């Protein structure tokens, strides 16, 4: 069986992006289960720090292409390099982050290699499949699990016939778990000669980078509002509490669809997956799609008028009451404590 390959995105600081580190952590677990190796693909410039990072993720081989013209990412250049590498190495599984880069690159590779691709996965597992029509059993397939039909169902997709089995995976859904023991992977330099004139097709004249204003993934305290908040105006008390606690504010899909908060604040399977130290759920019933995006929080406080709300089943503390009365009391009490 061939190995598992992870395409590693490079940040502006010439480090490996968080989503790629998460994929390496998951890739190592899958590789151990399949008894195969884990290999990383690095394309960019000044890769020394990125290569050092890979010493703690159980990677056996690093395929790298290093040149000042290979950073930042350009579609045709990176696609040609990765396609050529996959044709040569024949990986069993190939994983990409479900980012703007991964969503651009992975479909091009899948199309060129004529193999399947599942986008925006939230879970990856290894399992078997019995094809009743062909009377054939497929062993050790990659179960590519993702929400479908607007998040109303969870689909498990397999790719039994073609290789590699390819998937893009959302940031935050896999645990970032570096290995405790450092290892020294084998370095294999990729052949940039395959680029020929492709490199000159697109020239980057100017880049303007605006840092993100919201970082829910890194927030230690999150206050999330659901449709039960009632209105966009009512969300203001969540921002007031967040200012006091040094927290960020998020919302459920229902709250976002209703216009109570922006899409960039959406938490859940169709939004961002978070693992804060404290998660305060305000007016959230707790649909399975939302719980899947926050149920790994260290402590969960639920504020809801219904004692039977599904989110209460995973909450550490439950406050049964009107959120528009409870939150102001929390704000008032906290202000007294910090005087």
C-alpha atoms as a PDB file:
ATOM      1  CA  UNK A   1       0.000   0.000   0.000  1.00  0.00           C
ATOM      2  CA  UNK A   2       1.230   3.487  -0.888  1.00  0.00           C
ATOM      3  CA  UNK A   3       1.753   6.255   1.626  1.00  0.00           C
ATOM      4  CA  UNK A   4      -0.348   9.201   2.791  1.00  0.00           C
ATOM      5  CA  UNK A   5       0.626  12.615   1.409  1.00  0.00           C
ATOM      6  CA  UNK A   6      -0.238  15.984   2.996  1.00  0.00           C
ATOM      7  CA  UNK A   7       0.133  19.206   1.032  1.00  0.00           C
ATOM      8  CA  UNK A   8       1.494  21.805   3.466  1.00  0.00           C
ATOM      9  CA  UNK A   9       0.538  25.427   2.928  1.00  0.00           C
ATOM     10  CA  UNK A  10       3.149  28.074   3.705  1.00  0.00           C
ATOM     11  CA  UNK A  11       2.238  31.264   5.580  1.00  0.00           C
ATOM     12  CA  UNK A  12       3.636  34.754   5.126  1.00  0.00           C
ATOM     13  CA  UNK A  13       6.065  33.958   7.972  1.00  0.00           C
ATOM     14  CA  UNK A  14       7.340  30.956   5.948  1.00  0.00           C
ATOM     15  CA  UNK A  15       5.859  28.537   8.476  1.00  0.00           C
ATOM     16  CA  UNK A  16       3.387  25.717   7.905  1.00  0.00           C
ATOM     17  CA  UNK A  17      -0.255  26.814   8.172  1.00  0.00           C
ATOM     18  CA  UNK A  18      -2.274  25.552  11.157  1.00  0.00           C
ATOM     19  CA  UNK A  19      -4.678  23.567   8.980  1.00  0.00           C
ATOM     20  CA  UNK A  20      -1.740  21.662   7.465  1.00  0.00           C
ATOM     21  CA  UNK A  21      -0.331  20.866  10.916  1.00  0.00           C
ATOM     22  CA  UNK A  22      -3.751  19.528  11.902  1.00  0.00           C
ATOM     23  CA  UNK A  23      -3.787  17.373   8.768  1.00  0.00           C
ATOM     24  CA  UNK A  24      -0.315  16.042   9.544  1.00  0.00           C
ATOM     25  CA  UNK A  25      -1.530  15.053  13.020  1.00  0.00           C
ATOM     26  CA  UNK A  26      -4.528  13.240  11.550  1.00  0.00           C
ATOM     27  CA  UNK A  27      -2.462  11.844   8.689  1.00  0.00           C
ATOM     28  CA  UNK A  28      -0.063  10.240  11.148  1.00  0.00           C
ATOM     29  CA  UNK A  29      -2.928   8.441  12.896  1.00  0.00           C
ATOM     30  CA  UNK A  30      -4.321   7.214   9.569  1.00  0.00           C
ATOM     31  CA  UNK A  31      -0.854   6.113   8.434  1.00  0.00           C
ATOM     32  CA  UNK A  32      -0.295   4.159  11.635  1.00  0.00           C
ATOM     33  CA  UNK A  33      -3.665   2.458  11.218  1.00  0.00           C
ATOM     34  CA  UNK A  34      -2.831   1.485   7.646  1.00  0.00           C
ATOM     35  CA  UNK A  35       0.802   0.634   8.470  1.00  0.00           C
ATOM     36  CA  UNK A  36       2.114   3.030   5.824  1.00  0.00           C
ATOM     37  CA  UNK A  37       4.288   6.148   5.897  1.00  0.00           C
ATOM     38  CA  UNK A  38       3.332   9.822   6.127  1.00  0.00           C
ATOM     39  CA  UNK A  39       4.877  12.156   3.539  1.00  0.00           C
ATOM     40  CA  UNK A  40       4.717  15.959   3.315  1.00  0.00           C
ATOM     41  CA  UNK A  41       4.775  18.250   0.287  1.00  0.00           C
ATOM     42  CA  UNK A  42       6.387  21.687   0.702  1.00  0.00           C
ATOM     43  CA  UNK A  43       6.537  24.254  -2.103  1.00  0.00           C
ATOM     44  CA  UNK A  44       7.783  27.796  -1.524  1.00  0.00           C
ATOM     45  CA  UNK A  45      10.831  29.853  -0.614  1.00  0.00           C
ATOM     46  CA  UNK A  46      12.943  29.969   2.553  1.00  0.00           C
ATOM     47  CA  UNK A  47      11.639  26.586   3.770  1.00  0.00           C
ATOM     48  CA  UNK A  48      14.180  26.008   6.549  1.00  0.00           C
ATOM     49  CA  UNK A  49      11.774  26.791   9.422  1.00  0.00           C
ATOM     50  CA  UNK A  50       8.938  24.841   7.794  1.00  0.00           C
ATOM     51  CA  UNK A  51      11.149  21.768   7.383  1.00  0.00           C
ATOM     52  CA  UNK A  52      12.148  22.030  11.055  1.00  0.00           C
ATOM     53  CA  UNK A  53       8.468  22.011  12.043  1.00  0.00           C
ATOM     54  CA  UNK A  54       7.946  18.721  10.238  1.00  0.00           C
ATOM     55  CA  UNK A  55      10.407  16.955  12.537  1.00  0.00           C
ATOM     56  CA  UNK A  56       7.639  16.692  15.158  1.00  0.00           C
ATOM     57  CA  UNK A  57       4.806  15.168  13.114  1.00  0.00           C
ATOM     58  CA  UNK A  58       6.040  11.672  12.327  1.00  0.00           C
ATOM     59  CA  UNK A  59       6.749  12.503   8.686  1.00  0.00           C
ATOM     60  CA  UNK A  60       8.974   9.937   6.955  1.00  0.00           C
ATOM     61  CA  UNK A  61       9.663  11.869   3.728  1.00  0.00           C
ATOM     62  CA  UNK A  62       9.542  15.575   2.841  1.00  0.00           C
ATOM     63  CA  UNK A  63       9.132  16.386  -0.850  1.00  0.00           C
ATOM     64  CA  UNK A  64      10.165  20.010  -1.299  1.00  0.00           C
ATOM     65  CA  UNK A  65      10.647  22.596  -4.027  1.00  0.00           C
ATOM     66  CA  UNK A  66      12.402  25.751  -2.879  1.00  0.00           C
ATOM     67  CA  UNK A  67      12.730  28.825  -5.052  1.00  0.00           C
ATOM     68  CA  UNK A  68      11.918  32.507  -4.604  1.00  0.00           C
ATOM     69  CA  UNK A  69       9.534  32.250  -7.569  1.00  0.00           C
ATOM     70  CA  UNK A  70       7.495  29.530  -5.828  1.00  0.00           C
ATOM     71  CA  UNK A  71       6.134  31.869  -3.135  1.00  0.00           C
ATOM     72  CA  UNK A  72       3.471  33.110  -2.852  1.00  0.00           C
ATOM     73  CA  UNK A  73       1.146  30.406  -4.183  1.00  0.00           C
ATOM     74  CA  UNK A  74       0.356  30.438  -7.885  1.00  0.00           C
ATOM     75  CA  UNK A  75      -2.142  27.976  -9.289  1.00  0.00           C
ATOM     76  CA  UNK A  76      -0.424  26.685 -12.428  1.00  0.00           C
ATOM     77  CA  UNK A  77       3.027  26.363 -10.881  1.00  0.00           C
ATOM     78  CA  UNK A  78       1.947  24.494  -7.742  1.00  0.00           C
ATOM     79  CA  UNK A  79      -0.568  22.335  -9.635  1.00  0.00           C
ATOM     80  CA  UNK A  80       2.068  21.152 -12.106  1.00  0.00           C
ATOM     81  CA  UNK A  81       4.565  20.305  -9.363  1.00  0.00           C
ATOM     82  CA  UNK A  82       2.048  18.397  -7.228  1.00  0.00           C
ATOM     83  CA  UNK A  83       0.545  16.590 -10.218  1.00  0.00           C
ATOM     84  CA  UNK A  84       3.983  15.442 -11.382  1.00  0.00           C
ATOM     85  CA  UNK A  85       4.889  14.308  -7.852  1.00  0.00           C
ATOM     86  CA  UNK A  86       1.681  12.287  -7.459  1.00  0.00           C
ATOM     87  CA  UNK A  87       2.155  10.656 -10.860  1.00  0.00           C
ATOM     88  CA  UNK A  88       5.623   9.552  -9.792  1.00  0.00           C
ATOM     89  CA  UNK A  89       4.920   8.524  -6.188  1.00  0.00           C
ATOM     90  CA  UNK A  90       1.368   7.130  -6.532  1.00  0.00           C
ATOM     91  CA  UNK A  91       0.050   8.017  -3.037  1.00  0.00           C
ATOM     92  CA  UNK A  92      -2.829   6.075  -1.534  1.00  0.00           C
ATOM     93  CA  UNK A  93      -4.345   9.152   0.161  1.00  0.00           C
ATOM     94  CA  UNK A  94      -3.740  12.873  -0.431  1.00  0.00           C
ATOM     95  CA  UNK A  95      -4.991  15.547   1.973  1.00  0.00           C
ATOM     96  CA  UNK A  96      -5.309  19.311   1.510  1.00  0.00           C
ATOM     97  CA  UNK A  97      -6.688  22.077   3.716  1.00  0.00           C
ATOM     98  CA  UNK A  98     -10.129  23.392   2.742  1.00  0.00           C
ATOM     99  CA  UNK A  99      -8.690  26.886   2.329  1.00  0.00           C
ATOM    100  CA  UNK A 100      -8.641  29.198  -0.676  1.00  0.00           C
ATOM    101  CA  UNK A 101      -5.403  27.484  -1.736  1.00  0.00           C
ATOM    102  CA  UNK A 102      -6.591  23.920  -1.127  1.00  0.00           C
ATOM    103  CA  UNK A 103      -9.934  24.531  -2.814  1.00  0.00           C
ATOM    104  CA  UNK A 104      -8.113  25.866  -5.861  1.00  0.00           C
ATOM    105  CA  UNK A 105      -5.338  23.265  -6.022  1.00  0.00           C
ATOM    106  CA  UNK A 106      -6.962  19.947  -5.060  1.00  0.00           C
ATOM    107  CA  UNK A 107      -9.699  19.924  -7.769  1.00  0.00           C
ATOM    108  CA  UNK A 108      -7.089  20.602 -10.460  1.00  0.00           C
ATOM    109  CA  UNK A 109      -4.989  17.670  -9.266  1.00  0.00           C
ATOM    110  CA  UNK A 110      -8.028  15.385  -9.062  1.00  0.00           C
ATOM    111  CA  UNK A 111      -9.133  16.378 -12.558  1.00  0.00           C
ATOM    112  CA  UNK A 112      -5.657  15.822 -14.023  1.00  0.00           C
ATOM    113  CA  UNK A 113      -5.282  12.415 -12.334  1.00  0.00           C
ATOM    114  CA  UNK A 114      -8.925  11.445 -12.964  1.00  0.00           C
ATOM    115  CA  UNK A 115      -9.557  10.505  -9.354  1.00  0.00           C
ATOM    116  CA  UNK A 116     -12.238  11.393  -6.819  1.00  0.00           C
ATOM    117  CA  UNK A 117     -12.165  14.343  -4.432  1.00  0.00           C
ATOM    118  CA  UNK A 118     -14.354  15.093  -1.429  1.00  0.00           C
ATOM    119  CA  UNK A 119     -14.410  18.757  -0.373  1.00  0.00           C
ATOM    120  CA  UNK A 120     -14.813  20.314   3.081  1.00  0.00           C
ATOM    121  CA  UNK A 121     -14.502  17.126   5.137  1.00  0.00           C
ATOM    122  CA  UNK A 122     -15.072  17.330   8.876  1.00  0.00           C
ATOM    123  CA  UNK A 123     -13.893  13.796   9.702  1.00  0.00           C
ATOM    124  CA  UNK A 124     -11.680  11.099   8.187  1.00  0.00           C
ATOM    125  CA  UNK A 125     -11.769   7.405   9.090  1.00  0.00           C
ATOM    126  CA  UNK A 126     -10.530   4.097   7.722  1.00  0.00           C
ATOM    127  CA  UNK A 127     -13.053   1.354   6.993  1.00  0.00           C
ATOM    128  CA  UNK A 128     -14.249  -1.338   4.588  1.00  0.00           C
ATOM    129  CA  UNK A 129     -17.016  -1.316   1.995  1.00  0.00           C
ATOM    130  CA  UNK A 130     -19.009  -4.141   0.445  1.00  0.00           C
ATOM    131  CA  UNK A 131     -20.323  -3.490  -3.074  1.00  0.00           C
ATOM    132  CA  UNK A 132     -23.393  -5.691  -3.302  1.00  0.00           C
ATOM    133  CA  UNK A 133     -23.793  -5.042  -7.014  1.00  0.00           C
ATOM    134  CA  UNK A 134     -20.269  -6.150  -7.896  1.00  0.00           C
ATOM    135  CA  UNK A 135     -20.063  -8.697  -5.083  1.00  0.00           C
ATOM    136  CA  UNK A 136     -16.747  -7.177  -4.091  1.00  0.00           C
ATOM    137  CA  UNK A 137     -15.283  -6.067  -0.735  1.00  0.00           C
ATOM    138  CA  UNK A 138     -12.950  -3.097  -0.539  1.00  0.00           C
ATOM    139  CA  UNK A 139     -10.598  -3.012   2.444  1.00  0.00           C
ATOM    140  CA  UNK A 140      -9.096  -0.019   4.242  1.00  0.00           C
ATOM    141  CA  UNK A 141     -10.838   2.750   2.333  1.00  0.00           C
ATOM    142  CA  UNK A 142     -10.755   6.372   3.429  1.00  0.00           C
ATOM    143  CA  UNK A 143     -14.180   7.367   4.765  1.00  0.00           C
ATOM    144  CA  UNK A 144     -14.506  11.041   3.809  1.00  0.00           C
ATOM    145  CA  UNK A 145     -17.186  12.517   6.049  1.00  0.00           C
ATOM    146  CA  UNK A 146     -18.772  15.907   5.497  1.00  0.00           C
ATOM    147  CA  UNK A 147     -22.079  17.764   5.927  1.00  0.00           C
ATOM    148  CA  UNK A 148     -24.343  17.791   2.875  1.00  0.00           C
ATOM    149  CA  UNK A 149     -27.642  19.318   1.761  1.00  0.00           C
ATOM    150  CA  UNK A 150     -26.983  22.530   3.635  1.00  0.00           C
ATOM    151  CA  UNK A 151     -25.734  20.725   6.723  1.00  0.00           C
ATOM    152  CA  UNK A 152     -28.965  18.778   7.169  1.00  0.00           C
ATOM    153  CA  UNK A 153     -27.305  15.371   6.760  1.00  0.00           C
ATOM    154  CA  UNK A 154     -23.839  13.937   7.302  1.00  0.00           C
ATOM    155  CA  UNK A 155     -22.531  12.137   4.201  1.00  0.00           C
ATOM    156  CA  UNK A 156     -19.857   9.431   4.200  1.00  0.00           C
ATOM    157  CA  UNK A 157     -18.126   9.315   0.820  1.00  0.00           C
ATOM    158  CA  UNK A 158     -15.733   6.640  -0.449  1.00  0.00           C
ATOM    159  CA  UNK A 159     -13.526   6.384  -3.501  1.00  0.00           C
ATOM    160  CA  UNK A 160     -12.915   2.648  -4.054  1.00  0.00           C
ATOM    161  CA  UNK A 161     -11.772   2.558  -7.679  1.00  0.00           C
ATOM    162  CA  UNK A 162      -9.241   5.358  -8.256  1.00  0.00           C
ATOM    163  CA  UNK A 163      -6.144   6.635  -6.487  1.00  0.00           C
ATOM    164  CA  UNK A 164      -5.194   8.722  -4.718  1.00  0.00           C
ATOM    165  CA  UNK A 165      -8.200   9.089  -2.438  1.00  0.00           C
ATOM    166  CA  UNK A 166      -8.286  12.863  -2.121  1.00  0.00           C
ATOM    167  CA  UNK A 167      -9.980  15.176   0.377  1.00  0.00           C
ATOM    168  CA  UNK A 168      -9.883  18.766   1.516  1.00  0.00           C
ATOM    169  CA  UNK A 169     -10.442  19.199   5.264  1.00  0.00           C
ATOM    170  CA  UNK A 170     -11.739  22.191   7.182  1.00  0.00           C
ATOM    171  CA  UNK A 171      -9.505  24.038   9.564  1.00  0.00           C
ATOM    172  CA  UNK A 172     -10.066  23.276  13.239  1.00  0.00           C
ATOM    173  CA  UNK A 173     -11.893  19.945  12.876  1.00  0.00           C
ATOM    174  CA  UNK A 174      -8.748  17.857  13.453  1.00  0.00           C
ATOM    175  CA  UNK A 175      -6.722  18.062  16.660  1.00  0.00           C
ATOM    176  CA  UNK A 176      -3.258  19.564  16.399  1.00  0.00           C
ATOM    177  CA  UNK A 177      -1.110  16.897  18.054  1.00  0.00           C
ATOM    178  CA  UNK A 178       2.640  17.118  17.394  1.00  0.00           C
ATOM    179  CA  UNK A 179       4.716  14.057  18.244  1.00  0.00           C
ATOM    180  CA  UNK A 180       6.648  14.165  21.560  1.00  0.00           C
ATOM    181  CA  UNK A 181       9.795  12.726  19.968  1.00  0.00           C
ATOM    182  CA  UNK A 182      11.662  14.490  17.175  1.00  0.00           C
ATOM    183  CA  UNK A 183      12.480  12.480  14.061  1.00  0.00           C
ATOM    184  CA  UNK A 184      14.548  13.300  10.971  1.00  0.00           C
ATOM    185  CA  UNK A 185      12.597  12.782   7.737  1.00  0.00           C
ATOM    186  CA  UNK A 186      14.238  12.000   4.427  1.00  0.00           C
ATOM    187  CA  UNK A 187      14.455  15.080   2.168  1.00  0.00           C
ATOM    188  CA  UNK A 188      13.577  14.663  -1.518  1.00  0.00           C
ATOM    189  CA  UNK A 189      13.978  17.640  -3.826  1.00  0.00           C
ATOM    190  CA  UNK A 190      11.227  17.999  -6.412  1.00  0.00           C
ATOM    191  CA  UNK A 191      12.074  18.535 -10.074  1.00  0.00           C
ATOM    192  CA  UNK A 192      11.190  22.143 -10.920  1.00  0.00           C
ATOM    193  CA  UNK A 193      12.313  21.522 -14.497  1.00  0.00           C
ATOM    194  CA  UNK A 194       8.775  20.329 -15.270  1.00  0.00           C
ATOM    195  CA  UNK A 195       7.569  23.928 -15.033  1.00  0.00           C
ATOM    196  CA  UNK A 196       9.295  25.129 -18.256  1.00  0.00           C
ATOM    197  CA  UNK A 197       7.368  28.209 -19.438  1.00  0.00           C
ATOM    198  CA  UNK A 198       4.435  27.810 -17.004  1.00  0.00           C
ATOM    199  CA  UNK A 199       6.274  29.930 -14.457  1.00  0.00           C
ATOM    200  CA  UNK A 200       6.058  32.980 -16.712  1.00  0.00           C
ATOM    201  CA  UNK A 201       2.327  32.777 -17.475  1.00  0.00           C
ATOM    202  CA  UNK A 202       1.278  34.703 -14.340  1.00  0.00           C
ATOM    203  CA  UNK A 203       3.351  37.475 -12.795  1.00  0.00           C
ATOM    204  CA  UNK A 204       2.506  38.905  -9.372  1.00  0.00           C
ATOM    205  CA  UNK A 205       2.812  42.677  -9.608  1.00  0.00           C
ATOM    206  CA  UNK A 206       1.534  43.718  -6.185  1.00  0.00           C
ATOM    207  CA  UNK A 207       0.152  42.052  -3.065  1.00  0.00           C
ATOM    208  CA  UNK A 208      -1.987  43.675  -0.380  1.00  0.00           C
ATOM    209  CA  UNK A 209      -2.504  41.585   2.745  1.00  0.00           C
ATOM    210  CA  UNK A 210      -5.096  42.540   5.326  1.00  0.00           C
ATOM    211  CA  UNK A 211      -4.897  40.594   8.597  1.00  0.00           C
ATOM    212  CA  UNK A 212      -8.134  38.961   9.789  1.00  0.00           C
ATOM    213  CA  UNK A 213     -10.138  41.032  12.243  1.00  0.00           C
ATOM    214  CA  UNK A 214     -11.772  38.052  13.932  1.00  0.00           C
ATOM    215  CA  UNK A 215     -10.001  34.940  15.206  1.00  0.00           C
ATOM    216  CA  UNK A 216     -12.587  32.665  16.789  1.00  0.00           C
ATOM    217  CA  UNK A 217     -10.326  29.630  16.509  1.00  0.00           C
ATOM    218  CA  UNK A 218      -7.717  31.050  18.895  1.00  0.00           C
ATOM    219  CA  UNK A 219     -10.140  32.646  21.380  1.00  0.00           C
ATOM    220  CA  UNK A 220      -9.904  31.199  24.904  1.00  0.00           C
ATOM    221  CA  UNK A 221     -13.407  32.436  25.774  1.00  0.00           C
ATOM    222  CA  UNK A 222     -16.273  32.394  23.289  1.00  0.00           C
ATOM    223  CA  UNK A 223     -19.772  33.790  23.723  1.00  0.00           C
ATOM    224  CA  UNK A 224     -22.117  32.430  21.082  1.00  0.00           C
ATOM    225  CA  UNK A 225     -25.647  33.488  20.307  1.00  0.00           C
ATOM    226  CA  UNK A 226     -28.375  31.533  18.604  1.00  0.00           C
ATOM    227  CA  UNK A 227     -31.716  32.315  17.006  1.00  0.00           C
ATOM    228  CA  UNK A 228     -33.087  32.568  20.547  1.00  0.00           C
ATOM    229  CA  UNK A 229     -31.325  35.942  20.892  1.00  0.00           C
ATOM    230  CA  UNK A 230     -34.241  37.358  18.929  1.00  0.00           C
ATOM    231  CA  UNK A 231     -32.562  40.127  16.942  1.00  0.00           C
ATOM    232  CA  UNK A 232     -29.327  41.729  15.803  1.00  0.00           C
ATOM    233  CA  UNK A 233     -29.867  44.460  18.395  1.00  0.00           C
ATOM    234  CA  UNK A 234     -30.042  41.891  21.203  1.00  0.00           C
ATOM    235  CA  UNK A 235     -26.633  40.564  20.135  1.00  0.00           C
ATOM    236  CA  UNK A 236     -25.166  43.833  21.437  1.00  0.00           C
ATOM    237  CA  UNK A 237     -25.230  42.527  25.017  1.00  0.00           C
ATOM    238  CA  UNK A 238     -23.073  39.596  23.954  1.00  0.00           C
ATOM    239  CA  UNK A 239     -20.436  42.013  22.637  1.00  0.00           C
ATOM    240  CA  UNK A 240     -20.662  43.970  25.905  1.00  0.00           C
ATOM    241  CA  UNK A 241     -20.042  40.814  27.944  1.00  0.00           C
ATOM    242  CA  UNK A 242     -17.256  39.788  25.563  1.00  0.00           C
ATOM    243  CA  UNK A 243     -15.484  43.121  26.095  1.00  0.00           C
ATOM    244  CA  UNK A 244     -15.517  42.542  29.854  1.00  0.00           C
ATOM    245  CA  UNK A 245     -14.259  38.955  29.628  1.00  0.00           C
ATOM    246  CA  UNK A 246     -11.748  39.452  26.822  1.00  0.00           C
ATOM    247  CA  UNK A 247     -13.804  37.082  24.696  1.00  0.00           C
ATOM    248  CA  UNK A 248     -14.933  36.758  21.091  1.00  0.00           C
ATOM    249  CA  UNK A 249     -18.535  36.559  19.889  1.00  0.00           C
ATOM    250  CA  UNK A 250     -19.815  33.834  17.581  1.00  0.00           C
ATOM    251  CA  UNK A 251     -23.170  32.635  16.353  1.00  0.00           C
ATOM    252  CA  UNK A 252     -25.092  29.637  15.081  1.00  0.00           C
ATOM    253  CA  UNK A 253     -26.057  29.181  11.464  1.00  0.00           C
ATOM    254  CA  UNK A 254     -29.642  30.149  12.304  1.00  0.00           C
ATOM    255  CA  UNK A 255     -28.428  33.416  13.866  1.00  0.00           C
ATOM    256  CA  UNK A 256     -26.224  34.156  10.853  1.00  0.00           C
ATOM    257  CA  UNK A 257     -29.017  33.371   8.373  1.00  0.00           C
ATOM    258  CA  UNK A 258     -31.317  35.685  10.315  1.00  0.00           C
ATOM    259  CA  UNK A 259     -28.762  38.497  10.043  1.00  0.00           C
ATOM    260  CA  UNK A 260     -28.027  38.686  13.786  1.00  0.00           C
ATOM    261  CA  UNK A 261     -24.261  38.413  13.173  1.00  0.00           C
ATOM    262  CA  UNK A 262     -21.829  38.098  10.271  1.00  0.00           C
ATOM    263  CA  UNK A 263     -21.002  34.874   8.453  1.00  0.00           C
ATOM    264  CA  UNK A 264     -17.368  35.106   9.605  1.00  0.00           C
ATOM    265  CA  UNK A 265     -18.637  34.435  13.151  1.00  0.00           C
ATOM    266  CA  UNK A 266     -20.531  31.231  12.321  1.00  0.00           C
ATOM    267  CA  UNK A 267     -19.646  28.236  14.510  1.00  0.00           C
ATOM    268  CA  UNK A 268     -20.548  24.671  13.595  1.00  0.00           C
ATOM    269  CA  UNK A 269     -20.142  22.113  10.840  1.00  0.00           C
ATOM    270  CA  UNK A 270     -20.918  24.696   8.171  1.00  0.00           C
ATOM    271  CA  UNK A 271     -18.792  27.321   9.922  1.00  0.00           C
ATOM    272  CA  UNK A 272     -15.747  27.299  12.183  1.00  0.00           C
ATOM    273  CA  UNK A 273     -14.808  24.530  14.617  1.00  0.00           C
ATOM    274  CA  UNK A 274     -13.632  25.872  17.986  1.00  0.00           C
ATOM    275  CA  UNK A 275     -12.160  24.473  21.225  1.00  0.00           C
ATOM    276  CA  UNK A 276     -12.068  27.353  23.746  1.00  0.00           C
ATOM    277  CA  UNK A 277     -11.483  27.019  27.468  1.00  0.00           C
ATOM    278  CA  UNK A 278     -14.952  28.520  28.080  1.00  0.00           C
ATOM    279  CA  UNK A 279     -17.953  28.488  25.741  1.00  0.00           C
ATOM    280  CA  UNK A 280     -21.079  30.417  26.759  1.00  0.00           C
ATOM    281  CA  UNK A 281     -24.062  29.391  24.620  1.00  0.00           C
ATOM    282  CA  UNK A 282     -26.807  32.014  24.669  1.00  0.00           C
ATOM    283  CA  UNK A 283     -30.220  31.200  23.251  1.00  0.00           C
ATOM    284  CA  UNK A 284     -28.842  28.171  21.386  1.00  0.00           C
ATOM    285  CA  UNK A 285     -31.019  25.069  21.152  1.00  0.00           C
ATOM    286  CA  UNK A 286     -28.060  22.905  20.144  1.00  0.00           C
ATOM    287  CA  UNK A 287     -28.628  21.321  16.739  1.00  0.00           C
ATOM    288  CA  UNK A 288     -26.194  18.506  16.012  1.00  0.00           C
ATOM    289  CA  UNK A 289     -24.481  20.598  13.321  1.00  0.00           C
ATOM    290  CA  UNK A 290     -23.670  23.322  15.842  1.00  0.00           C
ATOM    291  CA  UNK A 291     -22.620  20.952  18.622  1.00  0.00           C
ATOM    292  CA  UNK A 292     -20.153  19.268  16.273  1.00  0.00           C
ATOM    293  CA  UNK A 293     -18.330  22.586  15.959  1.00  0.00           C
ATOM    294  CA  UNK A 294     -17.938  23.334  19.684  1.00  0.00           C
ATOM    295  CA  UNK A 295     -18.459  20.183  21.762  1.00  0.00           C
ATOM    296  CA  UNK A 296     -14.718  19.885  22.447  1.00  0.00           C
ATOM    297  CA  UNK A 297     -14.759  23.100  24.513  1.00  0.00           C
ATOM    298  CA  UNK A 298     -13.204  22.654  27.963  1.00  0.00           C
ATOM    299  CA  UNK A 299     -16.200  24.189  29.804  1.00  0.00           C
ATOM    300  CA  UNK A 300     -19.654  24.915  28.406  1.00  0.00           C
ATOM    301  CA  UNK A 301     -22.290  27.160  29.973  1.00  0.00           C
ATOM    302  CA  UNK A 302     -25.757  27.055  28.441  1.00  0.00           C
ATOM    303  CA  UNK A 303     -28.296  29.848  28.931  1.00  0.00           C
ATOM    304  CA  UNK A 304     -31.700  28.842  27.582  1.00  0.00           C
ATOM    305  CA  UNK A 305     -35.364  29.146  28.442  1.00  0.00           C
ATOM    306  CA  UNK A 306     -35.807  25.398  27.893  1.00  0.00           C
ATOM    307  CA  UNK A 307     -34.355  22.878  30.318  1.00  0.00           C
ATOM    308  CA  UNK A 308     -34.728  20.233  27.580  1.00  0.00           C
ATOM    309  CA  UNK A 309     -32.625  22.043  24.977  1.00  0.00           C
ATOM    310  CA  UNK A 310     -30.234  19.529  23.322  1.00  0.00           C
ATOM    311  CA  UNK A 311     -27.211  21.686  24.098  1.00  0.00           C
ATOM    312  CA  UNK A 312     -27.835  21.200  27.816  1.00  0.00           C
ATOM    313  CA  UNK A 313     -26.834  17.551  27.412  1.00  0.00           C
ATOM    314  CA  UNK A 314     -23.220  18.542  26.765  1.00  0.00           C
ATOM    315  CA  UNK A 315     -23.117  21.639  28.999  1.00  0.00           C
ATOM    316  CA  UNK A 316     -21.166  21.681  32.268  1.00  0.00           C
ATOM    317  CA  UNK A 317     -23.502  24.330  33.686  1.00  0.00           C
ATOM    318  CA  UNK A 318     -27.071  25.121  32.651  1.00  0.00           C
ATOM    319  CA  UNK A 319     -28.887  28.375  33.394  1.00  0.00           C
ATOM    320  CA  UNK A 320     -32.607  28.091  32.664  1.00  0.00           C
ATOM    321  CA  UNK A 321     -33.895  31.580  31.978  1.00  0.00           C
ATOM    322  CA  UNK A 322     -34.346  34.432  29.525  1.00  0.00           C
ATOM    323  CA  UNK A 323     -30.951  35.291  28.060  1.00  0.00           C
ATOM    324  CA  UNK A 324     -31.945  38.980  27.899  1.00  0.00           C
ATOM    325  CA  UNK A 325     -32.306  38.949  31.681  1.00  0.00           C
ATOM    326  CA  UNK A 326     -29.452  36.597  32.587  1.00  0.00           C
ATOM    327  CA  UNK A 327     -26.699  38.272  30.528  1.00  0.00           C
ATOM    328  CA  UNK A 328     -27.281  41.790  31.941  1.00  0.00           C
ATOM    329  CA  UNK A 329     -27.086  40.293  35.454  1.00  0.00           C
ATOM    330  CA  UNK A 330     -23.802  38.609  34.542  1.00  0.00           C
ATOM    331  CA  UNK A 331     -22.446  41.904  33.216  1.00  0.00           C
ATOM    332  CA  UNK A 332     -23.503  43.778  36.333  1.00  0.00           C
ATOM    333  CA  UNK A 333     -22.024  41.138  38.630  1.00  0.00           C
ATOM    334  CA  UNK A 334     -18.742  41.005  36.741  1.00  0.00           C
ATOM    335  CA  UNK A 335     -18.391  44.793  36.802  1.00  0.00           C
ATOM    336  CA  UNK A 336     -18.742  44.710  40.585  1.00  0.00           C
ATOM    337  CA  UNK A 337     -16.042  42.037  40.839  1.00  0.00           C
ATOM    338  CA  UNK A 338     -13.474  44.033  38.838  1.00  0.00           C
ATOM    339  CA  UNK A 339     -13.954  47.338  40.664  1.00  0.00           C
END
